């Protein structure tokens, strides 16, 4: 997002970002790598413990966030993830079994 974008100031001046990053450090974009760095801690610290408790989880997220999670779960290469398309508005189901650990995807 360029600094002259209509919403740039709304985002950069949002009180939730008051402590960091500084306006000079504020990212102008978010790559898949940065998205993964941001979303995996939430996945590991919040979602996985709930899965281990046997809860059913519904995740509604932006395409890149979902691609990052799929990349992590499927251990996909950088090249492979670039070819993955998660269509907007089309749900997909991931069934997770902890014993034995297995992942079954239903598209």
PDB file of N, CA and C in Angstrom:
ATOM      1  N   UNK A   1       0.846  -1.164   0.000  1.00  0.00           N
ATOM      2  CA  UNK A   1       0.000   0.000   0.000  1.00  0.00           C
ATOM      3  C   UNK A   1       0.898   1.235   0.000  1.00  0.00           C
ATOM      4  N   UNK A   2       0.632   2.113  -0.911  1.00  0.00           N
ATOM      5  CA  UNK A   2       1.412   3.345  -1.005  1.00  0.00           C
ATOM      6  C   UNK A   2       0.959   4.348   0.059  1.00  0.00           C
ATOM      7  N   UNK A   3       1.846   5.254   0.423  1.00  0.00           N
ATOM      8  CA  UNK A   3       1.532   6.236   1.462  1.00  0.00           C
ATOM      9  C   UNK A   3       0.394   7.170   1.069  1.00  0.00           C
ATOM     10  N   UNK A   4       0.154   7.347  -0.219  1.00  0.00           N
ATOM     11  CA  UNK A   4      -0.927   8.232  -0.644  1.00  0.00           C
ATOM     12  C   UNK A   4      -2.272   7.505  -0.784  1.00  0.00           C
ATOM     13  N   UNK A   5      -2.307   6.221  -0.424  1.00  0.00           N
ATOM     14  CA  UNK A   5      -3.554   5.456  -0.464  1.00  0.00           C
ATOM     15  C   UNK A   5      -4.537   6.032   0.561  1.00  0.00           C
ATOM     16  N   UNK A   6      -5.809   6.011   0.233  1.00  0.00           N
ATOM     17  CA  UNK A   6      -6.840   6.606   1.085  1.00  0.00           C
ATOM     18  C   UNK A   6      -6.858   6.039   2.505  1.00  0.00           C
ATOM     19  N   UNK A   7      -6.491   4.765   2.676  1.00  0.00           N
ATOM     20  CA  UNK A   7      -6.569   4.142   3.997  1.00  0.00           C
ATOM     21  C   UNK A   7      -5.224   4.026   4.707  1.00  0.00           C
ATOM     22  N   UNK A   8      -4.157   4.464   4.085  1.00  0.00           N
ATOM     23  CA  UNK A   8      -2.826   4.314   4.678  1.00  0.00           C
ATOM     24  C   UNK A   8      -2.765   4.937   6.073  1.00  0.00           C
ATOM     25  N   UNK A   9      -3.180   6.183   6.204  1.00  0.00           N
ATOM     26  CA  UNK A   9      -3.111   6.864   7.506  1.00  0.00           C
ATOM     27  C   UNK A   9      -3.993   6.178   8.539  1.00  0.00           C
ATOM     28  N   UNK A  10      -5.161   5.698   8.116  1.00  0.00           N
ATOM     29  CA  UNK A  10      -6.044   4.995   9.061  1.00  0.00           C
ATOM     30  C   UNK A  10      -5.354   3.779   9.661  1.00  0.00           C
ATOM     31  N   UNK A  11      -4.600   3.078   8.845  1.00  0.00           N
ATOM     32  CA  UNK A  11      -3.925   1.868   9.316  1.00  0.00           C
ATOM     33  C   UNK A  11      -2.698   2.215  10.145  1.00  0.00           C
ATOM     34  N   UNK A  12      -1.837   3.073   9.620  1.00  0.00           N
ATOM     35  CA  UNK A  12      -0.583   3.410  10.306  1.00  0.00           C
ATOM     36  C   UNK A  12      -0.848   4.116  11.628  1.00  0.00           C
ATOM     37  N   UNK A  13      -1.893   4.926  11.693  1.00  0.00           N
ATOM     38  CA  UNK A  13      -2.196   5.681  12.911  1.00  0.00           C
ATOM     39  C   UNK A  13      -3.132   4.934  13.855  1.00  0.00           C
ATOM     40  N   UNK A  14      -3.472   3.701  13.534  1.00  0.00           N
ATOM     41  CA  UNK A  14      -4.344   2.897  14.390  1.00  0.00           C
ATOM     42  C   UNK A  14      -3.674   2.714  15.749  1.00  0.00           C
ATOM     43  N   UNK A  15      -4.372   2.998  16.853  1.00  0.00           N
ATOM     44  CA  UNK A  15      -3.775   2.876  18.191  1.00  0.00           C
ATOM     45  C   UNK A  15      -3.234   1.482  18.509  1.00  0.00           C
ATOM     46  N   UNK A  16      -3.748   0.454  17.842  1.00  0.00           N
ATOM     47  CA  UNK A  16      -3.252  -0.908  18.101  1.00  0.00           C
ATOM     48  C   UNK A  16      -1.799  -1.068  17.692  1.00  0.00           C
ATOM     49  N   UNK A  17      -1.317  -0.182  16.818  1.00  0.00           N
ATOM     50  CA  UNK A  17       0.064  -0.264  16.349  1.00  0.00           C
ATOM     51  C   UNK A  17       0.934   0.818  16.973  1.00  0.00           C
ATOM     52  N   UNK A  18       0.504   1.401  18.081  1.00  0.00           N
ATOM     53  CA  UNK A  18       1.228   2.517  18.692  1.00  0.00           C
ATOM     54  C   UNK A  18       2.610   2.114  19.189  1.00  0.00           C
ATOM     55  N   UNK A  19       2.754   0.891  19.685  1.00  0.00           N
ATOM     56  CA  UNK A  19       4.047   0.485  20.254  1.00  0.00           C
ATOM     57  C   UNK A  19       5.043   0.050  19.193  1.00  0.00           C
ATOM     58  N   UNK A  20       4.574  -0.569  18.140  1.00  0.00           N
ATOM     59  CA  UNK A  20       5.451  -0.985  17.042  1.00  0.00           C
ATOM     60  C   UNK A  20       4.605  -1.428  15.867  1.00  0.00           C
ATOM     61  N   UNK A  21       5.040  -1.444  14.694  1.00  0.00           N
ATOM     62  CA  UNK A  21       6.298  -0.847  14.253  1.00  0.00           C
ATOM     63  C   UNK A  21       6.168   0.674  14.154  1.00  0.00           C
ATOM     64  N   UNK A  22       7.299   1.359  14.101  1.00  0.00           N
ATOM     65  CA  UNK A  22       7.265   2.807  13.920  1.00  0.00           C
ATOM     66  C   UNK A  22       6.750   3.110  12.514  1.00  0.00           C
ATOM     67  N   UNK A  23       6.369   4.352  12.279  1.00  0.00           N
ATOM     68  CA  UNK A  23       5.871   4.717  10.947  1.00  0.00           C
ATOM     69  C   UNK A  23       6.919   4.444   9.877  1.00  0.00           C
ATOM     70  N   UNK A  24       8.180   4.626  10.216  1.00  0.00           N
ATOM     71  CA  UNK A  24       9.251   4.376   9.253  1.00  0.00           C
ATOM     72  C   UNK A  24       9.410   2.884   8.966  1.00  0.00           C
ATOM     73  N   UNK A  25       9.118   2.046   9.968  1.00  0.00           N
ATOM     74  CA  UNK A  25       9.267   0.592   9.826  1.00  0.00           C
ATOM     75  C   UNK A  25       7.998  -0.089   9.324  1.00  0.00           C
ATOM     76  N   UNK A  26       6.899   0.654   9.283  1.00  0.00           N
ATOM     77  CA  UNK A  26       5.619   0.056   8.925  1.00  0.00           C
ATOM     78  C   UNK A  26       5.705  -0.552   7.528  1.00  0.00           C
ATOM     79  N   UNK A  27       5.364  -1.834   7.384  1.00  0.00           N
ATOM     80  CA  UNK A  27       5.509  -2.492   6.076  1.00  0.00           C
ATOM     81  C   UNK A  27       4.533  -1.935   5.047  1.00  0.00           C
ATOM     82  N   UNK A  28       4.989  -1.870   3.823  1.00  0.00           N
ATOM     83  CA  UNK A  28       4.148  -1.395   2.725  1.00  0.00           C
ATOM     84  C   UNK A  28       3.446  -2.574   2.042  1.00  0.00           C
ATOM     85  N   UNK A  29       3.798  -3.794   2.436  1.00  0.00           N
ATOM     86  CA  UNK A  29       3.224  -4.991   1.839  1.00  0.00           C
ATOM     87  C   UNK A  29       3.387  -6.122   2.846  1.00  0.00           C
ATOM     88  N   UNK A  30       2.759  -7.241   2.560  1.00  0.00           N
ATOM     89  CA  UNK A  30       2.961  -8.432   3.380  1.00  0.00           C
ATOM     90  C   UNK A  30       3.149  -9.611   2.440  1.00  0.00           C
ATOM     91  N   UNK A  31       4.347 -10.134   2.420  1.00  0.00           N
ATOM     92  CA  UNK A  31       4.654 -11.296   1.593  1.00  0.00           C
ATOM     93  C   UNK A  31       4.094 -12.551   2.251  1.00  0.00           C
ATOM     94  N   UNK A  32       4.090 -13.648   1.516  1.00  0.00           N
ATOM     95  CA  UNK A  32       3.657 -14.917   2.098  1.00  0.00           C
ATOM     96  C   UNK A  32       4.550 -15.284   3.275  1.00  0.00           C
ATOM     97  N   UNK A  33       5.844 -15.038   3.153  1.00  0.00           N
ATOM     98  CA  UNK A  33       6.779 -15.333   4.250  1.00  0.00           C
ATOM     99  C   UNK A  33       6.401 -14.554   5.509  1.00  0.00           C
ATOM    100  N   UNK A  34       6.114 -13.262   5.372  1.00  0.00           N
ATOM    101  CA  UNK A  34       5.713 -12.456   6.525  1.00  0.00           C
ATOM    102  C   UNK A  34       4.365 -12.909   7.074  1.00  0.00           C
ATOM    103  N   UNK A  35       3.465 -13.304   6.189  1.00  0.00           N
ATOM    104  CA  UNK A  35       2.162 -13.799   6.628  1.00  0.00           C
ATOM    105  C   UNK A  35       2.329 -15.066   7.458  1.00  0.00           C
ATOM    106  N   UNK A  36       3.189 -15.967   7.012  1.00  0.00           N
ATOM    107  CA  UNK A  36       3.442 -17.205   7.752  1.00  0.00           C
ATOM    108  C   UNK A  36       4.053 -16.892   9.113  1.00  0.00           C
ATOM    109  N   UNK A  37       5.006 -15.983   9.156  1.00  0.00           N
ATOM    110  CA  UNK A  37       5.634 -15.598  10.428  1.00  0.00           C
ATOM    111  C   UNK A  37       4.604 -15.024  11.396  1.00  0.00           C
ATOM    112  N   UNK A  38       3.583 -14.367  10.871  1.00  0.00           N
ATOM    113  CA  UNK A  38       2.551 -13.764  11.704  1.00  0.00           C
ATOM    114  C   UNK A  38       1.486 -14.772  12.127  1.00  0.00           C
ATOM    115  N   UNK A  39       1.140 -15.706  11.251  1.00  0.00           N
ATOM    116  CA  UNK A  39       0.017 -16.597  11.536  1.00  0.00           C
ATOM    117  C   UNK A  39       0.398 -17.896  12.246  1.00  0.00           C
ATOM    118  N   UNK A  40       1.595 -18.415  12.012  1.00  0.00           N
ATOM    119  CA  UNK A  40       1.952 -19.702  12.631  1.00  0.00           C
ATOM    120  C   UNK A  40       1.978 -19.667  14.153  1.00  0.00           C
ATOM    121  N   UNK A  41       2.435 -18.593  14.799  1.00  0.00           N
ATOM    122  CA  UNK A  41       2.342 -18.589  16.261  1.00  0.00           C
ATOM    123  C   UNK A  41       0.899 -18.736  16.749  1.00  0.00           C
ATOM    124  N   UNK A  42      -0.037 -18.100  16.074  1.00  0.00           N
ATOM    125  CA  UNK A  42      -1.443 -18.245  16.449  1.00  0.00           C
ATOM    126  C   UNK A  42      -1.907 -19.676  16.207  1.00  0.00           C
ATOM    127  N   UNK A  43      -1.521 -20.235  15.086  1.00  0.00           N
ATOM    128  CA  UNK A  43      -1.855 -21.627  14.782  1.00  0.00           C
ATOM    129  C   UNK A  43      -1.344 -22.546  15.889  1.00  0.00           C
ATOM    130  N   UNK A  44      -0.068 -22.415  16.212  1.00  0.00           N
ATOM    131  CA  UNK A  44       0.564 -23.310  17.185  1.00  0.00           C
ATOM    132  C   UNK A  44       0.084 -23.086  18.612  1.00  0.00           C
ATOM    133  N   UNK A  45      -0.167 -21.833  18.990  1.00  0.00           N
ATOM    134  CA  UNK A  45      -0.480 -21.515  20.381  1.00  0.00           C
ATOM    135  C   UNK A  45      -1.967 -21.505  20.703  1.00  0.00           C
ATOM    136  N   UNK A  46      -2.808 -21.327  19.705  1.00  0.00           N
ATOM    137  CA  UNK A  46      -4.247 -21.226  19.958  1.00  0.00           C
ATOM    138  C   UNK A  46      -5.023 -22.364  19.295  1.00  0.00           C
ATOM    139  N   UNK A  47      -4.800 -22.568  18.023  1.00  0.00           N
ATOM    140  CA  UNK A  47      -5.611 -23.539  17.284  1.00  0.00           C
ATOM    141  C   UNK A  47      -5.213 -24.976  17.603  1.00  0.00           C
ATOM    142  N   UNK A  48      -3.922 -25.291  17.557  1.00  0.00           N
ATOM    143  CA  UNK A  48      -3.480 -26.673  17.813  1.00  0.00           C
ATOM    144  C   UNK A  48      -3.930 -27.171  19.187  1.00  0.00           C
ATOM    145  N   UNK A  49      -3.778 -26.386  20.275  1.00  0.00           N
ATOM    146  CA  UNK A  49      -4.269 -26.885  21.564  1.00  0.00           C
ATOM    147  C   UNK A  49      -5.767 -27.201  21.553  1.00  0.00           C
ATOM    148  N   UNK A  50      -6.543 -26.419  20.821  1.00  0.00           N
ATOM    149  CA  UNK A  50      -7.978 -26.697  20.741  1.00  0.00           C
ATOM    150  C   UNK A  50      -8.255 -27.968  19.946  1.00  0.00           C
ATOM    151  N   UNK A  51      -7.471 -28.191  18.892  1.00  0.00           N
ATOM    152  CA  UNK A  51      -7.601 -29.445  18.141  1.00  0.00           C
ATOM    153  C   UNK A  51      -7.272 -30.636  19.032  1.00  0.00           C
ATOM    154  N   UNK A  52      -6.241 -30.491  19.855  1.00  0.00           N
ATOM    155  CA  UNK A  52      -5.847 -31.575  20.760  1.00  0.00           C
ATOM    156  C   UNK A  52      -6.927 -31.865  21.791  1.00  0.00           C
ATOM    157  N   UNK A  53      -7.753 -30.857  22.097  1.00  0.00           N
ATOM    158  CA  UNK A  53      -8.878 -31.053  23.014  1.00  0.00           C
ATOM    159  C   UNK A  53     -10.077 -31.684  22.309  1.00  0.00           C
ATOM    160  N   UNK A  54      -9.947 -31.905  21.002  1.00  0.00           N
ATOM    161  CA  UNK A  54     -11.022 -32.516  20.237  1.00  0.00           C
ATOM    162  C   UNK A  54     -12.055 -31.537  19.717  1.00  0.00           C
ATOM    163  N   UNK A  55     -11.764 -30.254  19.803  1.00  0.00           N
ATOM    164  CA  UNK A  55     -12.714 -29.256  19.328  1.00  0.00           C
ATOM    165  C   UNK A  55     -12.696 -29.169  17.810  1.00  0.00           C
ATOM    166  N   UNK A  56     -13.835 -28.792  17.265  1.00  0.00           N
ATOM    167  CA  UNK A  56     -13.932 -28.519  15.832  1.00  0.00           C
ATOM    168  C   UNK A  56     -13.674 -27.031  15.646  1.00  0.00           C
ATOM    169  N   UNK A  57     -12.818 -26.703  14.711  1.00  0.00           N
ATOM    170  CA  UNK A  57     -12.381 -25.327  14.520  1.00  0.00           C
ATOM    171  C   UNK A  57     -12.828 -24.835  13.149  1.00  0.00           C
ATOM    172  N   UNK A  58     -13.381 -23.653  13.114  1.00  0.00           N
ATOM    173  CA  UNK A  58     -13.712 -22.988  11.860  1.00  0.00           C
ATOM    174  C   UNK A  58     -12.746 -21.822  11.695  1.00  0.00           C
ATOM    175  N   UNK A  59     -12.044 -21.800  10.582  1.00  0.00           N
ATOM    176  CA  UNK A  59     -11.113 -20.713  10.298  1.00  0.00           C
ATOM    177  C   UNK A  59     -11.612 -19.983   9.065  1.00  0.00           C
ATOM    178  N   UNK A  60     -11.851 -18.713   9.199  1.00  0.00           N
ATOM    179  CA  UNK A  60     -12.202 -17.851   8.065  1.00  0.00           C
ATOM    180  C   UNK A  60     -11.086 -16.828   7.968  1.00  0.00           C
ATOM    181  N   UNK A  61     -10.380 -16.823   6.858  1.00  0.00           N
ATOM    182  CA  UNK A  61      -9.194 -15.977   6.761  1.00  0.00           C
ATOM    183  C   UNK A  61      -8.940 -15.562   5.325  1.00  0.00           C
ATOM    184  N   UNK A  62      -8.019 -14.639   5.180  1.00  0.00           N
ATOM    185  CA  UNK A  62      -7.559 -14.178   3.873  1.00  0.00           C
ATOM    186  C   UNK A  62      -6.811 -15.311   3.186  1.00  0.00           C
ATOM    187  N   UNK A  63      -6.808 -15.312   1.873  1.00  0.00           N
ATOM    188  CA  UNK A  63      -6.167 -16.374   1.097  1.00  0.00           C
ATOM    189  C   UNK A  63      -4.722 -16.631   1.467  1.00  0.00           C
ATOM    190  N   UNK A  64      -3.919 -15.575   1.652  1.00  0.00           N
ATOM    191  CA  UNK A  64      -2.509 -15.784   1.964  1.00  0.00           C
ATOM    192  C   UNK A  64      -2.328 -16.404   3.345  1.00  0.00           C
ATOM    193  N   UNK A  65      -3.157 -16.026   4.308  1.00  0.00           N
ATOM    194  CA  UNK A  65      -3.078 -16.643   5.633  1.00  0.00           C
ATOM    195  C   UNK A  65      -3.360 -18.135   5.537  1.00  0.00           C
ATOM    196  N   UNK A  66      -4.396 -18.478   4.779  1.00  0.00           N
ATOM    197  CA  UNK A  66      -4.736 -19.892   4.602  1.00  0.00           C
ATOM    198  C   UNK A  66      -3.642 -20.633   3.843  1.00  0.00           C
ATOM    199  N   UNK A  67      -3.088 -20.009   2.817  1.00  0.00           N
ATOM    200  CA  UNK A  67      -2.005 -20.644   2.061  1.00  0.00           C
ATOM    201  C   UNK A  67      -0.808 -20.906   2.971  1.00  0.00           C
ATOM    202  N   UNK A  68      -0.522 -19.991   3.876  1.00  0.00           N
ATOM    203  CA  UNK A  68       0.586 -20.187   4.807  1.00  0.00           C
ATOM    204  C   UNK A  68       0.362 -21.371   5.728  1.00  0.00           C
ATOM    205  N   UNK A  69      -0.865 -21.511   6.210  1.00  0.00           N
ATOM    206  CA  UNK A  69      -1.180 -22.645   7.083  1.00  0.00           C
ATOM    207  C   UNK A  69      -1.094 -23.952   6.301  1.00  0.00           C
ATOM    208  N   UNK A  70      -1.649 -23.972   5.087  1.00  0.00           N
ATOM    209  CA  UNK A  70      -1.580 -25.177   4.251  1.00  0.00           C
ATOM    210  C   UNK A  70      -0.126 -25.515   3.937  1.00  0.00           C
ATOM    211  N   UNK A  71       0.680 -24.514   3.638  1.00  0.00           N
ATOM    212  CA  UNK A  71       2.107 -24.738   3.351  1.00  0.00           C
ATOM    213  C   UNK A  71       2.775 -25.423   4.538  1.00  0.00           C
ATOM    214  N   UNK A  72       2.465 -24.943   5.731  1.00  0.00           N
ATOM    215  CA  UNK A  72       3.036 -25.518   6.953  1.00  0.00           C
ATOM    216  C   UNK A  72       2.541 -26.953   7.170  1.00  0.00           C
ATOM    217  N   UNK A  73       1.238 -27.159   7.076  1.00  0.00           N
ATOM    218  CA  UNK A  73       0.666 -28.481   7.346  1.00  0.00           C
ATOM    219  C   UNK A  73       1.119 -29.530   6.341  1.00  0.00           C
ATOM    220  N   UNK A  74       1.194 -29.128   5.078  1.00  0.00           N
ATOM    221  CA  UNK A  74       1.553 -30.074   4.021  1.00  0.00           C
ATOM    222  C   UNK A  74       3.048 -30.084   3.720  1.00  0.00           C
ATOM    223  N   UNK A  75       3.807 -29.280   4.479  1.00  0.00           N
ATOM    224  CA  UNK A  75       5.261 -29.194   4.277  1.00  0.00           C
ATOM    225  C   UNK A  75       5.592 -28.924   2.803  1.00  0.00           C
ATOM    226  N   UNK A  76       4.906 -27.945   2.238  1.00  0.00           N
ATOM    227  CA  UNK A  76       5.060 -27.620   0.820  1.00  0.00           C
ATOM    228  C   UNK A  76       6.279 -26.734   0.600  1.00  0.00           C
ATOM    229  N   UNK A  77       6.897 -26.902  -0.533  1.00  0.00           N
ATOM    230  CA  UNK A  77       8.027 -26.050  -0.908  1.00  0.00           C
ATOM    231  C   UNK A  77       7.509 -24.669  -1.308  1.00  0.00           C
ATOM    232  N   UNK A  78       8.421 -23.700  -1.365  1.00  0.00           N
ATOM    233  CA  UNK A  78       8.049 -22.358  -1.808  1.00  0.00           C
ATOM    234  C   UNK A  78       7.476 -22.394  -3.218  1.00  0.00           C
ATOM    235  N   UNK A  79       8.057 -23.230  -4.065  1.00  0.00           N
ATOM    236  CA  UNK A  79       7.589 -23.332  -5.443  1.00  0.00           C
ATOM    237  C   UNK A  79       6.192 -23.946  -5.505  1.00  0.00           C
ATOM    238  N   UNK A  80       5.965 -24.989  -4.718  1.00  0.00           N
ATOM    239  CA  UNK A  80       4.669 -25.676  -4.744  1.00  0.00           C
ATOM    240  C   UNK A  80       3.546 -24.772  -4.242  1.00  0.00           C
ATOM    241  N   UNK A  81       3.813 -24.000  -3.197  1.00  0.00           N
ATOM    242  CA  UNK A  81       2.750 -23.160  -2.639  1.00  0.00           C
ATOM    243  C   UNK A  81       2.337 -22.068  -3.613  1.00  0.00           C
ATOM    244  N   UNK A  82       3.254 -21.649  -4.473  1.00  0.00           N
ATOM    245  CA  UNK A  82       2.917 -20.613  -5.449  1.00  0.00           C
ATOM    246  C   UNK A  82       1.865 -21.107  -6.443  1.00  0.00           C
ATOM    247  N   UNK A  83       1.773 -22.410  -6.632  1.00  0.00           N
ATOM    248  CA  UNK A  83       0.788 -22.977  -7.543  1.00  0.00           C
ATOM    249  C   UNK A  83      -0.535 -23.311  -6.886  1.00  0.00           C
ATOM    250  N   UNK A  84      -0.625 -23.150  -5.566  1.00  0.00           N
ATOM    251  CA  UNK A  84      -1.858 -23.494  -4.859  1.00  0.00           C
ATOM    252  C   UNK A  84      -2.839 -22.332  -4.916  1.00  0.00           C
ATOM    253  N   UNK A  85      -4.033 -22.607  -5.379  1.00  0.00           N
ATOM    254  CA  UNK A  85      -5.084 -21.604  -5.428  1.00  0.00           C
ATOM    255  C   UNK A  85      -6.186 -22.027  -4.472  1.00  0.00           C
ATOM    256  N   UNK A  86      -6.485 -21.180  -3.513  1.00  0.00           N
ATOM    257  CA  UNK A  86      -7.603 -21.410  -2.607  1.00  0.00           C
ATOM    258  C   UNK A  86      -8.694 -20.421  -3.008  1.00  0.00           C
ATOM    259  N   UNK A  87      -9.679 -20.869  -3.767  1.00  0.00           N
ATOM    260  CA  UNK A  87     -10.693 -19.948  -4.289  1.00  0.00           C
ATOM    261  C   UNK A  87     -11.464 -19.244  -3.177  1.00  0.00           C
ATOM    262  N   UNK A  88     -11.719 -17.982  -3.370  1.00  0.00           N
ATOM    263  CA  UNK A  88     -12.483 -17.192  -2.411  1.00  0.00           C
ATOM    264  C   UNK A  88     -13.909 -17.716  -2.323  1.00  0.00           C
ATOM    265  N   UNK A  89     -14.381 -17.895  -1.103  1.00  0.00           N
ATOM    266  CA  UNK A  89     -15.758 -18.299  -0.883  1.00  0.00           C
ATOM    267  C   UNK A  89     -16.038 -19.776  -1.060  1.00  0.00           C
ATOM    268  N   UNK A  90     -15.027 -20.569  -1.367  1.00  0.00           N
ATOM    269  CA  UNK A  90     -15.203 -22.012  -1.520  1.00  0.00           C
ATOM    270  C   UNK A  90     -14.574 -22.685  -0.301  1.00  0.00           C
ATOM    271  N   UNK A  91     -15.391 -23.243   0.596  1.00  0.00           N
ATOM    272  CA  UNK A  91     -14.821 -23.852   1.801  1.00  0.00           C
ATOM    273  C   UNK A  91     -14.050 -25.131   1.491  1.00  0.00           C
ATOM    274  N   UNK A  92     -13.058 -25.397   2.314  1.00  0.00           N
ATOM    275  CA  UNK A  92     -12.403 -26.698   2.261  1.00  0.00           C
ATOM    276  C   UNK A  92     -12.258 -27.199   3.683  1.00  0.00           C
ATOM    277  N   UNK A  93     -12.255 -28.504   3.820  1.00  0.00           N
ATOM    278  CA  UNK A  93     -12.238 -29.149   5.128  1.00  0.00           C
ATOM    279  C   UNK A  93     -10.932 -29.896   5.291  1.00  0.00           C
ATOM    280  N   UNK A  94     -10.326 -29.718   6.436  1.00  0.00           N
ATOM    281  CA  UNK A  94      -9.155 -30.502   6.797  1.00  0.00           C
ATOM    282  C   UNK A  94      -9.535 -31.318   8.019  1.00  0.00           C
ATOM    283  N   UNK A  95      -9.427 -32.618   7.911  1.00  0.00           N
ATOM    284  CA  UNK A  95      -9.702 -33.491   9.049  1.00  0.00           C
ATOM    285  C   UNK A  95      -8.374 -33.885   9.661  1.00  0.00           C
ATOM    286  N   UNK A  96      -8.270 -33.754  10.957  1.00  0.00           N
ATOM    287  CA  UNK A  96      -7.019 -33.961  11.659  1.00  0.00           C
ATOM    288  C   UNK A  96      -7.208 -35.082  12.669  1.00  0.00           C
ATOM    289  N   UNK A  97      -6.355 -36.060  12.612  1.00  0.00           N
ATOM    290  CA  UNK A  97      -6.379 -37.145  13.585  1.00  0.00           C
ATOM    291  C   UNK A  97      -5.061 -37.130  14.335  1.00  0.00           C
ATOM    292  N   UNK A  98      -5.120 -37.105  15.660  1.00  0.00           N
ATOM    293  CA  UNK A  98      -3.891 -37.024  16.450  1.00  0.00           C
ATOM    294  C   UNK A  98      -3.295 -38.389  16.750  1.00  0.00           C
ATOM    295  N   UNK A  99      -4.098 -39.452  16.658  1.00  0.00           N
ATOM    296  CA  UNK A  99      -3.560 -40.768  16.977  1.00  0.00           C
ATOM    297  C   UNK A  99      -4.036 -41.778  15.952  1.00  0.00           C
ATOM    298  N   UNK A 100      -3.270 -42.223  15.003  1.00  0.00           N
ATOM    299  CA  UNK A 100      -1.964 -41.652  14.675  1.00  0.00           C
ATOM    300  C   UNK A 100      -2.151 -40.314  13.975  1.00  0.00           C
ATOM    301  N   UNK A 101      -1.155 -39.482  14.023  1.00  0.00           N
ATOM    302  CA  UNK A 101      -1.237 -38.151  13.435  1.00  0.00           C
ATOM    303  C   UNK A 101      -1.390 -38.264  11.926  1.00  0.00           C
ATOM    304  N   UNK A 102      -2.497 -37.761  11.421  1.00  0.00           N
ATOM    305  CA  UNK A 102      -2.700 -37.790   9.976  1.00  0.00           C
ATOM    306  C   UNK A 102      -3.552 -36.603   9.564  1.00  0.00           C
ATOM    307  N   UNK A 103      -3.410 -36.226   8.341  1.00  0.00           N
ATOM    308  CA  UNK A 103      -4.107 -35.076   7.800  1.00  0.00           C
ATOM    309  C   UNK A 103      -4.829 -35.518   6.540  1.00  0.00           C
ATOM    310  N   UNK A 104      -6.136 -35.299   6.510  1.00  0.00           N
ATOM    311  CA  UNK A 104      -6.928 -35.656   5.345  1.00  0.00           C
ATOM    312  C   UNK A 104      -7.614 -34.389   4.863  1.00  0.00           C
ATOM    313  N   UNK A 105      -7.417 -34.046   3.624  1.00  0.00           N
ATOM    314  CA  UNK A 105      -8.008 -32.817   3.096  1.00  0.00           C
ATOM    315  C   UNK A 105      -9.156 -33.161   2.170  1.00  0.00           C
ATOM    316  N   UNK A 106     -10.275 -32.509   2.386  1.00  0.00           N
ATOM    317  CA  UNK A 106     -11.438 -32.640   1.519  1.00  0.00           C
ATOM    318  C   UNK A 106     -11.677 -31.267   0.908  1.00  0.00           C
ATOM    319  N   UNK A 107     -11.543 -31.161  -0.410  1.00  0.00           N
ATOM    320  CA  UNK A 107     -11.711 -29.856  -1.066  1.00  0.00           C
ATOM    321  C   UNK A 107     -13.118 -29.682  -1.535  1.00  0.00           C
TER     322      UNK A 107
END
